Amino acid sequence: MKTKYNNDMEQSEKIIIYQVFTRLFGNEEVRNAYNGSLQENGCGKMAGFTNQALNEIKKLGATHIWYTVIAHASQTDYSAYNIPRNHPAVIKGKAGSPYAIRDYYDIDPDLAVDVNRRMEEFELLVKRSHDNGLKVIIDFVPNHVARQYHSYAKPDGVKD
């Protein structure tokens, strides 16, 4: 028997969103060093959202999963991957804030197992989510940009 909600919405049609701060999900590092580096405090990875984990989230009743994955300013040096460094004086802590977007067209390299394949890892995350019956929401906050915003991943013809 399906339960009725306001506006005659059936329970099976009710939207339930599971919001997750991606960098914390699956982080196996137990230390929490004040203002610690990525190496000291660790970081959850998109790969941590396994089929088993997504199935458990779905069993909670979630219909959607809300990921925070867009590249934001941090003090982690990814210059070896052709990602420009951010000036440390304008970053909130070493990990930065996910609401100081440095490139709306890129995925946070901290969340990837292989930085060079971060977009592919993200696409696989979306596919795994869909395969487990979850629709995907990407945390997108317009006009919350890093002080040194410059897209290096934008499509041709798009201006910063």
N, C-alpha and C. Protein backbone atom coordinates (compact mmCIF):
# COMPACT_ATOMS: atom_id res chain seq x y z
N MET A 1 0.84 -1.18 0.00
CA MET A 1 0.00 0.00 0.00
C MET A 1 0.89 1.24 0.00
N LYS A 2 0.60 2.18 -0.89
CA LYS A 2 1.39 3.41 -0.98
C LYS A 2 0.76 4.48 -0.10
N THR A 3 1.58 5.17 0.64
CA THR A 3 1.11 6.24 1.51
C THR A 3 0.94 7.52 0.69
N LYS A 4 -0.14 8.25 0.96
CA LYS A 4 -0.38 9.52 0.27
C LYS A 4 0.23 10.67 1.07
N TYR A 5 0.79 11.62 0.37
CA TYR A 5 1.33 12.84 0.97
C TYR A 5 0.53 14.01 0.44
N ASN A 6 0.85 15.23 0.91
CA ASN A 6 0.14 16.41 0.43
C ASN A 6 0.21 16.48 -1.10
N ASN A 7 -0.76 17.13 -1.70
CA ASN A 7 -0.87 17.25 -3.15
C ASN A 7 -0.96 15.89 -3.84
N ASP A 8 -1.47 14.89 -3.11
CA ASP A 8 -1.67 13.55 -3.66
C ASP A 8 -0.40 12.90 -4.20
N MET A 9 0.77 13.28 -3.66
CA MET A 9 2.03 12.66 -4.08
C MET A 9 2.15 11.32 -3.37
N GLU A 10 2.37 10.28 -4.10
CA GLU A 10 2.55 8.97 -3.50
C GLU A 10 3.96 8.84 -2.95
N GLN A 11 4.10 8.00 -1.94
CA GLN A 11 5.40 7.81 -1.30
C GLN A 11 6.47 7.44 -2.33
N SER A 12 6.13 6.62 -3.30
CA SER A 12 7.10 6.20 -4.29
C SER A 12 7.56 7.36 -5.17
N GLU A 13 6.85 8.48 -5.15
CA GLU A 13 7.21 9.65 -5.95
C GLU A 13 7.93 10.72 -5.13
N LYS A 14 8.00 10.50 -3.82
CA LYS A 14 8.61 11.50 -2.95
C LYS A 14 10.11 11.56 -3.19
N ILE A 15 10.65 12.76 -3.29
CA ILE A 15 12.08 12.96 -3.50
C ILE A 15 12.76 13.03 -2.13
N ILE A 16 13.77 12.20 -1.95
CA ILE A 16 14.57 12.23 -0.73
C ILE A 16 16.03 12.37 -1.16
N ILE A 17 16.65 13.46 -0.75
CA ILE A 17 18.01 13.79 -1.17
C ILE A 17 18.99 13.48 -0.05
N TYR A 18 20.02 12.71 -0.38
CA TYR A 18 21.11 12.41 0.54
C TYR A 18 22.27 13.31 0.16
N GLN A 19 22.54 14.31 1.00
CA GLN A 19 23.65 15.24 0.72
C GLN A 19 24.90 14.72 1.41
N VAL A 20 26.00 14.77 0.69
CA VAL A 20 27.25 14.25 1.24
C VAL A 20 28.39 15.20 0.89
N PHE A 21 29.24 15.45 1.87
CA PHE A 21 30.45 16.22 1.64
C PHE A 21 31.50 15.22 1.20
N THR A 22 31.72 15.15 -0.09
CA THR A 22 32.47 14.07 -0.73
C THR A 22 33.85 13.86 -0.12
N ARG A 23 34.56 14.91 0.23
CA ARG A 23 35.92 14.74 0.75
C ARG A 23 35.96 14.06 2.12
N LEU A 24 34.84 14.02 2.82
CA LEU A 24 34.80 13.34 4.12
C LEU A 24 34.31 11.90 4.01
N PHE A 25 33.52 11.61 2.98
CA PHE A 25 32.96 10.27 2.82
C PHE A 25 34.06 9.28 2.46
N GLY A 26 34.22 8.25 3.26
CA GLY A 26 35.21 7.23 2.96
C GLY A 26 36.64 7.60 3.32
N ASN A 27 36.85 8.76 3.94
CA ASN A 27 38.21 9.12 4.35
C ASN A 27 38.60 8.19 5.49
N GLU A 28 39.63 7.39 5.25
CA GLU A 28 40.06 6.40 6.23
C GLU A 28 41.14 6.91 7.17
N GLU A 29 41.59 8.14 6.96
CA GLU A 29 42.62 8.71 7.83
C GLU A 29 41.98 9.10 9.15
N VAL A 30 42.50 8.61 10.26
CA VAL A 30 41.90 8.88 11.56
C VAL A 30 42.46 10.12 12.24
N ARG A 31 43.59 10.63 11.75
CA ARG A 31 44.14 11.85 12.35
C ARG A 31 43.30 13.04 11.91
N ASN A 32 43.34 14.05 12.70
CA ASN A 32 42.69 15.30 12.34
C ASN A 32 43.59 16.43 12.80
N ALA A 33 44.71 16.57 12.14
CA ALA A 33 45.69 17.60 12.50
C ALA A 33 45.13 18.97 12.18
N TYR A 34 45.18 19.88 13.13
CA TYR A 34 44.72 21.24 12.91
C TYR A 34 45.45 21.83 11.72
N ASN A 35 44.71 22.35 10.75
CA ASN A 35 45.27 22.94 9.54
C ASN A 35 46.22 21.96 8.83
N GLY A 36 45.87 20.68 8.91
CA GLY A 36 46.71 19.64 8.34
C GLY A 36 46.65 19.60 6.82
N SER A 37 47.67 19.01 6.26
CA SER A 37 47.76 18.87 4.81
C SER A 37 46.90 17.68 4.35
N LEU A 38 46.78 17.53 3.05
CA LEU A 38 46.07 16.40 2.47
C LEU A 38 46.72 15.09 2.92
N GLN A 39 48.04 15.06 2.96
CA GLN A 39 48.74 13.85 3.38
C GLN A 39 48.50 13.55 4.86
N GLU A 40 48.39 14.59 5.69
CA GLU A 40 48.18 14.38 7.12
C GLU A 40 46.75 13.96 7.45
N ASN A 41 45.77 14.62 6.85
CA ASN A 41 44.37 14.40 7.23
C ASN A 41 43.61 13.52 6.26
N GLY A 42 44.21 13.21 5.12
CA GLY A 42 43.53 12.36 4.16
C GLY A 42 42.36 13.06 3.49
N CYS A 43 41.67 12.32 2.65
CA CYS A 43 40.54 12.87 1.90
C CYS A 43 39.76 11.70 1.31
N GLY A 44 38.45 11.76 1.41
CA GLY A 44 37.61 10.78 0.76
C GLY A 44 37.76 10.89 -0.75
N LYS A 45 37.51 9.83 -1.44
CA LYS A 45 37.65 9.79 -2.90
C LYS A 45 36.31 9.41 -3.53
N MET A 46 36.13 9.82 -4.77
CA MET A 46 34.90 9.45 -5.48
C MET A 46 34.78 7.93 -5.56
N ALA A 47 35.91 7.24 -5.66
CA ALA A 47 35.91 5.78 -5.73
C ALA A 47 35.36 5.15 -4.46
N GLY A 48 35.33 5.90 -3.36
CA GLY A 48 34.78 5.39 -2.10
C GLY A 48 33.28 5.16 -2.15
N PHE A 49 32.63 5.74 -3.13
CA PHE A 49 31.20 5.51 -3.32
C PHE A 49 31.05 4.24 -4.15
N THR A 50 31.26 3.11 -3.49
CA THR A 50 31.17 1.82 -4.14
C THR A 50 29.71 1.45 -4.37
N ASN A 51 29.49 0.40 -5.15
CA ASN A 51 28.12 -0.09 -5.33
C ASN A 51 27.49 -0.43 -3.99
N GLN A 52 28.27 -1.03 -3.09
CA GLN A 52 27.74 -1.38 -1.77
C GLN A 52 27.33 -0.12 -1.00
N ALA A 53 28.19 0.89 -0.99
CA ALA A 53 27.87 2.13 -0.26
C ALA A 53 26.64 2.81 -0.86
N LEU A 54 26.58 2.88 -2.19
CA LEU A 54 25.44 3.53 -2.85
C LEU A 54 24.16 2.74 -2.62
N ASN A 55 24.26 1.42 -2.60
CA ASN A 55 23.10 0.59 -2.31
C ASN A 55 22.59 0.84 -0.89
N GLU A 56 23.49 1.01 0.06
CA GLU A 56 23.09 1.30 1.45
C GLU A 56 22.41 2.67 1.54
N ILE A 57 22.91 3.64 0.79
CA ILE A 57 22.28 4.96 0.77
C ILE A 57 20.89 4.85 0.16
N LYS A 58 20.76 4.09 -0.90
CA LYS A 58 19.46 3.87 -1.53
C LYS A 58 18.50 3.20 -0.55
N LYS A 59 18.99 2.25 0.25
CA LYS A 59 18.15 1.54 1.23
C LYS A 59 17.62 2.49 2.31
N LEU A 60 18.31 3.61 2.52
CA LEU A 60 17.81 4.60 3.48
C LEU A 60 16.56 5.30 2.97
N GLY A 61 16.27 5.11 1.69
CA GLY A 61 15.11 5.75 1.08
C GLY A 61 15.47 6.88 0.14
N ALA A 62 16.77 7.13 -0.03
CA ALA A 62 17.20 8.24 -0.89
C ALA A 62 16.83 7.96 -2.34
N THR A 63 16.42 9.02 -3.02
CA THR A 63 16.14 8.95 -4.45
C THR A 63 17.23 9.69 -5.24
N HIS A 64 17.91 10.62 -4.55
CA HIS A 64 18.94 11.46 -5.17
C HIS A 64 20.15 11.49 -4.23
N ILE A 65 21.33 11.69 -4.81
CA ILE A 65 22.53 11.91 -4.01
C ILE A 65 23.16 13.21 -4.49
N TRP A 66 23.54 14.04 -3.53
CA TRP A 66 24.04 15.40 -3.78
C TRP A 66 25.52 15.43 -3.46
N TYR A 67 26.35 15.52 -4.49
CA TYR A 67 27.81 15.49 -4.34
C TYR A 67 28.41 16.90 -4.39
N THR A 68 29.45 17.11 -3.59
CA THR A 68 30.27 18.31 -3.66
C THR A 68 31.59 17.89 -4.29
N VAL A 69 31.76 18.22 -5.59
CA VAL A 69 32.94 17.71 -6.32
C VAL A 69 33.65 18.76 -7.17
N ILE A 70 33.10 19.96 -7.30
CA ILE A 70 33.70 20.96 -8.20
C ILE A 70 35.04 21.43 -7.63
N ALA A 71 36.01 21.67 -8.51
CA ALA A 71 37.36 22.07 -8.11
C ALA A 71 37.33 23.41 -7.37
N HIS A 72 37.93 23.41 -6.18
CA HIS A 72 38.01 24.64 -5.40
C HIS A 72 39.46 24.93 -5.03
N ALA A 73 39.70 26.16 -4.63
CA ALA A 73 41.05 26.60 -4.27
C ALA A 73 41.53 25.85 -3.02
N SER A 74 42.74 25.38 -3.07
CA SER A 74 43.36 24.74 -1.91
C SER A 74 44.87 25.01 -1.98
N GLN A 75 45.56 24.64 -0.92
CA GLN A 75 47.00 24.82 -0.90
C GLN A 75 47.76 23.59 -1.41
N THR A 76 47.04 22.55 -1.79
CA THR A 76 47.69 21.36 -2.32
C THR A 76 48.29 21.68 -3.68
N ASP A 77 49.53 21.28 -3.86
CA ASP A 77 50.25 21.58 -5.11
C ASP A 77 49.98 20.51 -6.16
N TYR A 78 49.25 20.89 -7.20
CA TYR A 78 48.98 20.00 -8.33
C TYR A 78 49.63 20.54 -9.60
N SER A 79 50.67 21.34 -9.44
CA SER A 79 51.33 21.92 -10.62
C SER A 79 51.94 20.84 -11.52
N ALA A 80 52.27 19.69 -10.97
CA ALA A 80 52.80 18.59 -11.79
C ALA A 80 51.74 18.06 -12.76
N TYR A 81 50.48 18.40 -12.51
CA TYR A 81 49.36 17.99 -13.38
C TYR A 81 48.85 19.17 -14.21
N ASN A 82 49.66 20.21 -14.31
CA ASN A 82 49.30 21.42 -15.06
C ASN A 82 48.10 22.14 -14.46
N ILE A 83 47.94 22.03 -13.16
CA ILE A 83 46.91 22.77 -12.44
C ILE A 83 47.64 23.88 -11.68
N PRO A 84 47.33 25.14 -11.98
CA PRO A 84 48.06 26.24 -11.34
C PRO A 84 47.90 26.23 -9.82
N ARG A 85 48.94 26.64 -9.14
CA ARG A 85 48.90 26.75 -7.67
C ARG A 85 48.10 27.98 -7.28
N ASN A 86 47.44 27.89 -6.14
CA ASN A 86 46.76 29.04 -5.57
C ASN A 86 47.70 29.70 -4.56
N HIS A 87 47.63 31.01 -4.46
CA HIS A 87 48.45 31.71 -3.48
C HIS A 87 47.96 31.33 -2.08
N PRO A 88 48.84 30.83 -1.21
CA PRO A 88 48.39 30.35 0.11
C PRO A 88 47.77 31.43 0.99
N ALA A 89 48.07 32.69 0.73
CA ALA A 89 47.52 33.76 1.56
C ALA A 89 46.04 33.99 1.32
N VAL A 90 45.50 33.45 0.24
CA VAL A 90 44.08 33.71 -0.05
C VAL A 90 43.23 32.44 0.04
N ILE A 91 43.75 31.42 0.73
CA ILE A 91 43.03 30.15 0.88
C ILE A 91 42.58 30.02 2.32
N LYS A 92 41.37 29.52 2.51
CA LYS A 92 40.85 29.25 3.85
C LYS A 92 41.38 27.89 4.31
N GLY A 93 42.45 27.90 5.11
CA GLY A 93 43.06 26.64 5.54
C GLY A 93 43.76 25.96 4.39
N LYS A 94 44.39 24.85 4.66
CA LYS A 94 45.12 24.15 3.60
C LYS A 94 44.18 23.46 2.62
N ALA A 95 43.07 22.93 3.12
CA ALA A 95 42.13 22.22 2.25
C ALA A 95 41.25 23.17 1.46
N GLY A 96 41.16 24.42 1.90
CA GLY A 96 40.32 25.38 1.20
C GLY A 96 38.85 25.17 1.50
N SER A 97 38.03 25.94 0.85
CA SER A 97 36.58 25.84 1.03
C SER A 97 35.96 25.36 -0.27
N PRO A 98 35.04 24.39 -0.22
CA PRO A 98 34.39 23.94 -1.45
C PRO A 98 33.51 25.01 -2.07
N TYR A 99 33.37 26.14 -1.38
CA TYR A 99 32.59 27.25 -1.93
C TYR A 99 33.50 28.39 -2.39
N ALA A 100 34.76 28.07 -2.62
CA ALA A 100 35.72 28.99 -3.26
C ALA A 100 36.15 28.31 -4.55
N ILE A 101 35.25 28.28 -5.51
CA ILE A 101 35.44 27.53 -6.75
C ILE A 101 36.57 28.13 -7.56
N ARG A 102 37.49 27.28 -7.99
CA ARG A 102 38.57 27.78 -8.83
C ARG A 102 38.38 27.40 -10.29
N ASP A 103 37.47 26.47 -10.55
CA ASP A 103 37.19 26.12 -11.94
C ASP A 103 35.87 25.36 -12.00
N TYR A 104 34.83 26.02 -12.48
CA TYR A 104 33.51 25.40 -12.58
C TYR A 104 33.47 24.24 -13.57
N TYR A 105 34.48 24.10 -14.40
CA TYR A 105 34.50 23.06 -15.42
C TYR A 105 35.39 21.87 -15.05
N ASP A 106 35.84 21.83 -13.80
CA ASP A 106 36.76 20.77 -13.40
C ASP A 106 36.30 20.12 -12.11
N ILE A 107 36.84 18.95 -11.85
CA ILE A 107 36.56 18.18 -10.65
C ILE A 107 37.73 18.37 -9.69
N ASP A 108 37.44 18.43 -8.40
CA ASP A 108 38.46 18.61 -7.38
C ASP A 108 39.47 17.46 -7.45
N PRO A 109 40.74 17.76 -7.72
CA PRO A 109 41.74 16.69 -7.84
C PRO A 109 41.94 15.91 -6.54
N ASP A 110 41.64 16.52 -5.39
CA ASP A 110 41.76 15.81 -4.11
C ASP A 110 40.88 14.57 -4.08
N LEU A 111 39.79 14.58 -4.82
CA LEU A 111 38.79 13.51 -4.75
C LEU A 111 39.08 12.35 -5.69
N ALA A 112 40.14 12.47 -6.47
CA ALA A 112 40.46 11.44 -7.46
C ALA A 112 41.57 10.52 -6.96
N VAL A 113 41.48 9.27 -7.31
CA VAL A 113 42.56 8.33 -7.06
C VAL A 113 43.71 8.65 -8.02
N ASP A 114 43.37 8.96 -9.27
CA ASP A 114 44.35 9.33 -10.30
C ASP A 114 43.96 10.72 -10.80
N VAL A 115 44.74 11.73 -10.42
CA VAL A 115 44.41 13.12 -10.74
C VAL A 115 44.19 13.32 -12.24
N ASN A 116 45.01 12.68 -13.06
CA ASN A 116 44.85 12.84 -14.51
C ASN A 116 43.55 12.25 -15.04
N ARG A 117 42.93 11.37 -14.29
CA ARG A 117 41.69 10.73 -14.73
C ARG A 117 40.49 11.17 -13.90
N ARG A 118 40.57 12.34 -13.26
CA ARG A 118 39.52 12.78 -12.35
C ARG A 118 38.16 12.93 -13.03
N MET A 119 38.11 13.42 -14.26
CA MET A 119 36.83 13.55 -14.94
C MET A 119 36.24 12.18 -15.25
N GLU A 120 37.09 11.26 -15.67
CA GLU A 120 36.62 9.89 -15.91
C GLU A 120 36.11 9.25 -14.62
N GLU A 121 36.83 9.48 -13.51
CA GLU A 121 36.39 8.95 -12.21
C GLU A 121 35.04 9.55 -11.83
N PHE A 122 34.85 10.83 -12.12
CA PHE A 122 33.56 11.47 -11.84
C PHE A 122 32.46 10.85 -12.70
N GLU A 123 32.73 10.67 -13.97
CA GLU A 123 31.73 10.06 -14.86
C GLU A 123 31.37 8.65 -14.39
N LEU A 124 32.34 7.90 -13.89
CA LEU A 124 32.06 6.57 -13.35
C LEU A 124 31.23 6.66 -12.07
N LEU A 125 31.50 7.68 -11.26
CA LEU A 125 30.69 7.90 -10.06
C LEU A 125 29.23 8.16 -10.41
N VAL A 126 29.01 9.00 -11.41
CA VAL A 126 27.64 9.28 -11.85
C VAL A 126 26.99 7.99 -12.35
N LYS A 127 27.73 7.21 -13.14
CA LYS A 127 27.18 5.95 -13.67
C LYS A 127 26.85 4.99 -12.53
N ARG A 128 27.76 4.83 -11.56
CA ARG A 128 27.50 3.95 -10.42
C ARG A 128 26.27 4.41 -9.66
N SER A 129 26.15 5.72 -9.48
CA SER A 129 24.99 6.26 -8.77
C SER A 129 23.70 5.91 -9.51
N HIS A 130 23.69 6.15 -10.81
CA HIS A 130 22.51 5.83 -11.63
C HIS A 130 22.24 4.32 -11.61
N ASP A 131 23.28 3.52 -11.73
CA ASP A 131 23.11 2.06 -11.72
C ASP A 131 22.50 1.57 -10.41
N ASN A 132 22.70 2.33 -9.34
CA ASN A 132 22.14 1.97 -8.04
C ASN A 132 20.83 2.70 -7.75
N GLY A 133 20.23 3.26 -8.79
CA GLY A 133 18.90 3.85 -8.67
C GLY A 133 18.87 5.24 -8.07
N LEU A 134 19.99 5.94 -8.05
CA LEU A 134 20.05 7.28 -7.49
C LEU A 134 20.25 8.31 -8.59
N LYS A 135 19.48 9.37 -8.54
CA LYS A 135 19.71 10.51 -9.43
C LYS A 135 20.79 11.37 -8.77
N VAL A 136 21.51 12.16 -9.57
CA VAL A 136 22.68 12.89 -9.09
C VAL A 136 22.43 14.39 -9.13
N ILE A 137 22.82 15.05 -8.05
CA ILE A 137 22.83 16.51 -7.95
C ILE A 137 24.27 16.92 -7.67
N ILE A 138 24.75 17.92 -8.40
CA ILE A 138 26.10 18.45 -8.16
C ILE A 138 25.95 19.76 -7.41
N ASP A 139 26.67 19.88 -6.30
CA ASP A 139 26.63 21.11 -5.51
C ASP A 139 27.26 22.22 -6.34
N PHE A 140 26.44 23.14 -6.78
CA PHE A 140 26.87 24.22 -7.67
C PHE A 140 26.40 25.54 -7.06
N VAL A 141 27.33 26.38 -6.67
CA VAL A 141 26.98 27.66 -6.07
C VAL A 141 27.52 28.77 -6.96
N PRO A 142 26.65 29.35 -7.80
CA PRO A 142 27.14 30.41 -8.68
C PRO A 142 27.64 31.61 -7.87
N ASN A 143 28.66 32.26 -8.39
CA ASN A 143 29.23 33.46 -7.80
C ASN A 143 29.98 33.22 -6.49
N HIS A 144 30.33 31.97 -6.21
CA HIS A 144 31.19 31.68 -5.07
C HIS A 144 32.53 31.23 -5.63
N VAL A 145 33.31 32.16 -6.07
CA VAL A 145 34.56 31.82 -6.74
C VAL A 145 35.76 32.15 -5.86
N ALA A 146 36.84 31.45 -6.14
CA ALA A 146 38.09 31.71 -5.46
C ALA A 146 38.63 33.06 -5.91
N ARG A 147 39.46 33.65 -5.09
CA ARG A 147 40.03 34.95 -5.43
C ARG A 147 40.90 34.89 -6.67
N GLN A 148 41.41 33.72 -6.98
CA GLN A 148 42.25 33.55 -8.17
C GLN A 148 41.56 32.64 -9.18
N TYR A 149 40.27 32.85 -9.41
CA TYR A 149 39.54 32.01 -10.35
C TYR A 149 40.10 32.14 -11.76
N HIS A 150 40.36 31.01 -12.35
CA HIS A 150 40.73 30.96 -13.76
C HIS A 150 40.51 29.53 -14.23
N SER A 151 39.61 29.34 -15.17
CA SER A 151 39.33 28.00 -15.66
C SER A 151 40.39 27.56 -16.65
N TYR A 152 40.98 26.42 -16.38
CA TYR A 152 41.92 25.81 -17.30
C TYR A 152 41.28 24.58 -17.97
N ALA A 153 40.02 24.28 -17.59
CA ALA A 153 39.33 23.11 -18.14
C ALA A 153 38.10 23.49 -18.95
N LYS A 154 37.87 24.79 -19.11
CA LYS A 154 36.66 25.25 -19.81
C LYS A 154 36.66 24.84 -21.28
N PRO A 155 35.45 24.65 -21.84
CA PRO A 155 35.36 24.33 -23.27
C PRO A 155 35.83 25.50 -24.14
N ASP A 156 36.23 25.20 -25.34
CA ASP A 156 36.63 26.26 -26.28
C ASP A 156 35.49 27.24 -26.46
N GLY A 157 35.83 28.52 -26.50
CA GLY A 157 34.83 29.56 -26.71
C GLY A 157 34.21 30.11 -25.45
N VAL A 158 34.48 29.51 -24.29
CA VAL A 158 33.93 29.99 -23.02
C VAL A 158 34.93 30.94 -22.40
N LYS A 159 34.44 32.10 -21.96
CA LYS A 159 35.31 33.10 -21.32
C LYS A 159 35.17 33.02 -19.81
N ASP A 160 36.26 33.27 -19.08
CA ASP A 160 36.19 33.34 -17.62
C ASP A 160 35.40 34.56 -17.22
